[in-house]
Amino acid sequence: MAKTKRGSNIKKIPNWRGTCPICNRSSVKLLWTAVKDEQGIKVCKHCGN
């Protein structure tokens, strides 16, 4: 796989990088969904597992 193609699918998602609402880490990938109050929120890898 060419290095220019790596992560191209992730980068198409709007707001894929930001601050995790649970652990307050900044500049992390927000790709995992956690259920909070019957509503899904995007969280980082550590909080999503």
N, C-alpha and C. Protein backbone atom coordinates (compact mmCIF):
# COMPACT_ATOMS: atom_id res chain seq x y z
N MET A 1 0.84 -1.17 0.00
CA MET A 1 0.00 0.00 0.00
C MET A 1 0.90 1.25 0.00
N ALA A 2 0.58 2.18 -0.84
CA ALA A 2 1.36 3.40 -0.92
C ALA A 2 1.09 4.28 0.30
N LYS A 3 2.09 5.01 0.73
CA LYS A 3 1.94 5.85 1.91
C LYS A 3 0.94 6.97 1.70
N THR A 4 0.75 7.39 0.46
CA THR A 4 -0.20 8.48 0.22
C THR A 4 -1.64 8.02 0.36
N LYS A 5 -1.89 6.72 0.30
CA LYS A 5 -3.25 6.20 0.40
C LYS A 5 -3.64 5.82 1.82
N ARG A 6 -2.69 5.77 2.74
CA ARG A 6 -2.98 5.33 4.11
C ARG A 6 -3.87 6.34 4.83
N GLY A 7 -4.96 5.86 5.41
CA GLY A 7 -5.84 6.72 6.19
C GLY A 7 -6.74 7.59 5.35
N SER A 8 -6.82 7.37 4.06
CA SER A 8 -7.65 8.24 3.23
C SER A 8 -9.13 8.08 3.54
N ASN A 9 -9.57 6.88 3.94
CA ASN A 9 -10.98 6.68 4.28
C ASN A 9 -11.33 7.39 5.58
N ILE A 10 -10.42 7.38 6.54
CA ILE A 10 -10.67 8.05 7.82
C ILE A 10 -10.78 9.55 7.62
N LYS A 11 -9.92 10.10 6.80
CA LYS A 11 -9.88 11.55 6.63
C LYS A 11 -11.07 12.10 5.86
N LYS A 12 -11.88 11.22 5.25
CA LYS A 12 -13.10 11.66 4.56
C LYS A 12 -14.24 11.93 5.55
N ILE A 13 -14.13 11.38 6.77
CA ILE A 13 -15.15 11.57 7.79
C ILE A 13 -14.98 12.96 8.41
N PRO A 14 -16.05 13.78 8.45
CA PRO A 14 -15.89 15.11 9.05
C PRO A 14 -15.69 15.00 10.56
N ASN A 15 -14.86 15.86 11.10
CA ASN A 15 -14.56 15.93 12.54
C ASN A 15 -14.03 14.60 13.07
N TRP A 16 -13.13 13.98 12.35
CA TRP A 16 -12.58 12.68 12.77
C TRP A 16 -11.49 12.83 13.81
N ARG A 17 -11.00 14.02 14.01
CA ARG A 17 -9.96 14.26 15.01
C ARG A 17 -10.40 15.42 15.90
N GLY A 18 -10.21 15.23 17.20
CA GLY A 18 -10.61 16.29 18.13
C GLY A 18 -10.33 15.89 19.56
N THR A 19 -11.12 16.41 20.50
CA THR A 19 -10.96 16.14 21.91
C THR A 19 -12.01 15.13 22.36
N CYS A 20 -11.59 14.09 23.05
CA CYS A 20 -12.50 13.05 23.52
C CYS A 20 -13.36 13.63 24.65
N PRO A 21 -14.69 13.45 24.56
CA PRO A 21 -15.57 14.02 25.59
C PRO A 21 -15.49 13.29 26.93
N ILE A 22 -14.94 12.08 26.96
CA ILE A 22 -14.88 11.32 28.22
C ILE A 22 -13.58 11.56 28.96
N CYS A 23 -12.44 11.36 28.28
CA CYS A 23 -11.14 11.47 28.97
C CYS A 23 -10.44 12.81 28.71
N ASN A 24 -11.02 13.67 27.86
CA ASN A 24 -10.50 15.01 27.54
C ASN A 24 -9.12 14.99 26.91
N ARG A 25 -8.76 13.90 26.21
CA ARG A 25 -7.51 13.90 25.45
C ARG A 25 -7.71 14.77 24.22
N SER A 26 -6.68 15.48 23.84
CA SER A 26 -6.81 16.38 22.69
C SER A 26 -6.10 15.80 21.48
N SER A 27 -6.56 16.14 20.30
CA SER A 27 -5.98 15.73 19.02
C SER A 27 -5.92 14.22 18.86
N VAL A 28 -6.99 13.51 19.18
CA VAL A 28 -7.06 12.07 19.01
C VAL A 28 -8.12 11.73 17.97
N LYS A 29 -8.04 10.52 17.41
CA LYS A 29 -9.02 10.06 16.44
C LYS A 29 -10.31 9.69 17.18
N LEU A 30 -11.42 10.25 16.74
CA LEU A 30 -12.72 9.98 17.35
C LEU A 30 -13.52 9.09 16.41
N LEU A 31 -13.20 7.81 16.39
CA LEU A 31 -13.82 6.89 15.43
C LEU A 31 -14.68 5.83 16.09
N TRP A 32 -14.64 5.72 17.41
CA TRP A 32 -15.40 4.68 18.10
C TRP A 32 -16.63 5.30 18.74
N THR A 33 -17.70 4.51 18.84
CA THR A 33 -18.96 5.01 19.37
C THR A 33 -19.20 4.43 20.75
N ALA A 34 -19.53 5.28 21.69
CA ALA A 34 -19.90 4.86 23.04
C ALA A 34 -21.33 5.32 23.29
N VAL A 35 -22.10 4.51 24.01
CA VAL A 35 -23.49 4.84 24.29
C VAL A 35 -23.57 5.57 25.62
N LYS A 36 -24.13 6.76 25.58
CA LYS A 36 -24.30 7.56 26.80
C LYS A 36 -25.68 8.19 26.73
N ASP A 37 -26.52 7.89 27.69
CA ASP A 37 -27.89 8.42 27.75
C ASP A 37 -28.68 8.08 26.48
N GLU A 38 -28.59 6.82 26.05
CA GLU A 38 -29.30 6.31 24.86
C GLU A 38 -28.93 7.04 23.58
N GLN A 39 -27.76 7.65 23.55
CA GLN A 39 -27.31 8.38 22.37
C GLN A 39 -25.84 8.06 22.16
N GLY A 40 -25.46 7.79 20.93
CA GLY A 40 -24.07 7.46 20.63
C GLY A 40 -23.22 8.70 20.50
N ILE A 41 -22.04 8.67 21.12
CA ILE A 41 -21.09 9.77 20.99
C ILE A 41 -19.78 9.20 20.49
N LYS A 42 -19.03 9.98 19.76
CA LYS A 42 -17.74 9.56 19.22
C LYS A 42 -16.67 9.77 20.27
N VAL A 43 -15.90 8.68 20.54
CA VAL A 43 -14.86 8.73 21.56
C VAL A 43 -13.56 8.18 21.00
N CYS A 44 -12.48 8.30 21.77
CA CYS A 44 -11.17 7.79 21.35
C CYS A 44 -11.11 6.28 21.55
N LYS A 45 -10.02 5.68 21.10
CA LYS A 45 -9.85 4.24 21.14
C LYS A 45 -9.84 3.69 22.58
N HIS A 46 -9.21 4.42 23.49
CA HIS A 46 -9.10 3.95 24.87
C HIS A 46 -10.46 3.95 25.57
N CYS A 47 -11.29 4.91 25.28
CA CYS A 47 -12.62 4.98 25.91
C CYS A 47 -13.64 4.11 25.19
N GLY A 48 -13.38 3.78 23.92
CA GLY A 48 -14.33 3.00 23.14
C GLY A 48 -14.24 1.51 23.38
N ASN A 49 -13.16 1.05 23.95
CA ASN A 49 -13.00 -0.40 24.19
C ASN A 49 -13.44 -0.81 25.54
